[in-house]
Amino acid sequence: MHLHSFKAIPTISLSLSNYLEKQQQHWHPIYMATENLTIMTLNVNLECRCCYKKLTKILCQIPQVRDRVYDMNKNQVMITVDACCDPEKIRDKLCSKGRKVIKSIII
């Protein structure tokens, strides 16, 4: 029986400041344009499983929707929308696809 010698894999440890410096070197304006986001609040019955499933399906189909935060206590969903599109168009698209699921939308 032969024993093989394994070389230790070198580990690289970066401090947080070094990591942030490296990330700033790869700066790109698309990733830094966070001030142009619109926050919309949807009032939905999140206790209903079918409504929740339909809403998640609708939000996944819209590429301009970035983030979703579900608040089960208030039955609200907060979404962030890209600034490249008109929030009213996204609202109209949500209303047409969501019909009875979405009770109200606040921009």
Protein backbone atom coordinates (compact mmCIF):
# COMPACT_ATOMS: atom_id res chain seq x y z
CA MET A 1 0.00 0.00 0.00
CA HIS A 2 1.47 3.29 -1.10
CA LEU A 3 0.71 6.50 0.64
CA HIS A 4 0.52 9.55 -1.55
CA SER A 5 1.68 12.84 -0.24
CA PHE A 6 -0.78 15.65 -0.73
CA LYS A 7 0.29 19.24 -1.03
CA ALA A 8 -1.50 21.68 1.16
CA ILE A 9 -3.69 24.09 -0.74
CA PRO A 10 -2.63 27.65 -0.01
CA THR A 11 -5.36 29.77 1.47
CA ILE A 12 -5.73 33.42 0.70
CA SER A 13 -7.02 35.63 3.44
CA LEU A 14 -8.29 39.06 2.56
CA SER A 15 -9.30 41.62 5.07
CA LEU A 16 -12.54 43.48 4.51
CA SER A 17 -10.72 46.67 3.51
CA ASN A 18 -8.64 44.79 0.91
CA TYR A 19 -11.76 43.16 -0.44
CA LEU A 20 -13.56 46.51 -0.77
CA GLU A 21 -10.54 48.04 -2.50
CA LYS A 22 -10.53 45.22 -5.05
CA GLN A 23 -14.27 45.65 -5.61
CA GLN A 24 -13.84 49.38 -6.22
CA GLN A 25 -11.25 48.63 -8.88
CA HIS A 26 -13.93 46.76 -10.81
CA TRP A 27 -16.39 49.65 -10.61
CA HIS A 28 -19.02 49.76 -13.31
CA PRO A 29 -21.74 52.44 -13.65
CA ILE A 30 -24.52 49.88 -14.17
CA TYR A 31 -23.95 48.37 -10.74
CA MET A 32 -23.60 51.71 -8.99
CA ALA A 33 -26.89 53.26 -10.21
CA THR A 34 -28.92 52.46 -7.10
CA GLU A 35 -30.30 55.97 -6.63
CA ASN A 36 -32.54 55.57 -9.68
CA LEU A 37 -34.72 52.82 -8.24
CA THR A 38 -38.43 53.17 -7.55
CA ILE A 39 -40.06 51.46 -4.56
CA MET A 40 -43.59 50.20 -5.00
CA THR A 41 -45.86 48.72 -2.32
CA LEU A 42 -48.42 46.07 -3.24
CA ASN A 43 -51.31 45.17 -0.94
CA VAL A 44 -52.03 41.48 -1.37
CA ASN A 45 -53.64 38.69 0.65
CA LEU A 46 -50.45 36.77 1.48
CA GLU A 47 -52.27 34.28 3.71
CA CYS A 48 -53.90 32.74 0.64
CA ARG A 49 -51.48 30.21 -0.84
CA CYS A 50 -52.80 30.61 -4.39
CA CYS A 51 -52.51 34.42 -4.23
CA TYR A 52 -48.95 34.19 -2.91
CA LYS A 53 -47.95 31.73 -5.61
CA LYS A 54 -49.54 33.78 -8.39
CA LEU A 55 -47.88 36.98 -7.19
CA THR A 56 -44.42 35.41 -7.03
CA LYS A 57 -44.93 34.01 -10.53
CA ILE A 58 -45.97 37.43 -11.87
CA LEU A 59 -43.04 39.22 -10.21
CA CYS A 60 -40.56 36.69 -11.59
CA GLN A 61 -41.87 37.29 -15.12
CA ILE A 62 -41.12 41.03 -15.01
CA PRO A 63 -37.37 41.61 -15.54
CA GLN A 64 -37.46 45.21 -14.28
CA VAL A 65 -38.38 44.09 -10.74
CA ARG A 66 -35.18 43.81 -8.75
CA ASP A 67 -35.97 42.99 -5.13
CA ARG A 68 -39.04 41.74 -3.31
CA VAL A 69 -39.71 42.01 0.43
CA TYR A 70 -42.74 40.17 1.78
CA ASP A 71 -44.38 41.45 4.97
CA MET A 72 -46.80 38.74 6.07
CA ASN A 73 -48.16 40.74 9.03
CA LYS A 74 -49.24 43.74 6.95
CA ASN A 75 -50.06 41.70 3.80
CA GLN A 76 -47.74 43.91 1.78
CA VAL A 77 -44.99 43.31 -0.74
CA MET A 78 -42.37 46.00 -1.34
CA ILE A 79 -40.63 45.78 -4.71
CA THR A 80 -37.84 47.85 -6.21
CA VAL A 81 -38.11 48.67 -9.90
CA ASP A 82 -35.38 49.83 -12.28
CA ALA A 83 -35.41 53.47 -13.29
CA CYS A 84 -34.97 52.60 -16.97
CA CYS A 85 -38.68 51.85 -17.19
CA ASP A 86 -41.75 53.86 -16.29
CA PRO A 87 -43.27 52.80 -12.90
CA GLU A 88 -46.77 53.43 -14.27
CA LYS A 89 -46.16 50.85 -17.02
CA ILE A 90 -45.05 48.31 -14.42
CA ARG A 91 -48.14 49.16 -12.36
CA ASP A 92 -50.39 48.62 -15.38
CA LYS A 93 -48.67 45.32 -16.17
CA LEU A 94 -49.10 44.15 -12.56
CA CYS A 95 -52.77 45.17 -12.58
CA SER A 96 -53.48 43.34 -15.83
CA LYS A 97 -51.71 40.14 -14.78
CA GLY A 98 -52.63 40.26 -11.09
CA ARG A 99 -56.31 41.17 -11.48
CA LYS A 100 -58.01 39.92 -8.31
CA VAL A 101 -54.80 39.06 -6.40
CA ILE A 102 -53.43 42.60 -6.06
CA LYS A 103 -55.74 44.89 -4.07
CA SER A 104 -53.79 48.15 -4.44
CA ILE A 105 -50.45 49.50 -5.64
CA ILE A 106 -48.67 52.50 -4.15
CA ILE A 107 -45.76 54.07 -6.04
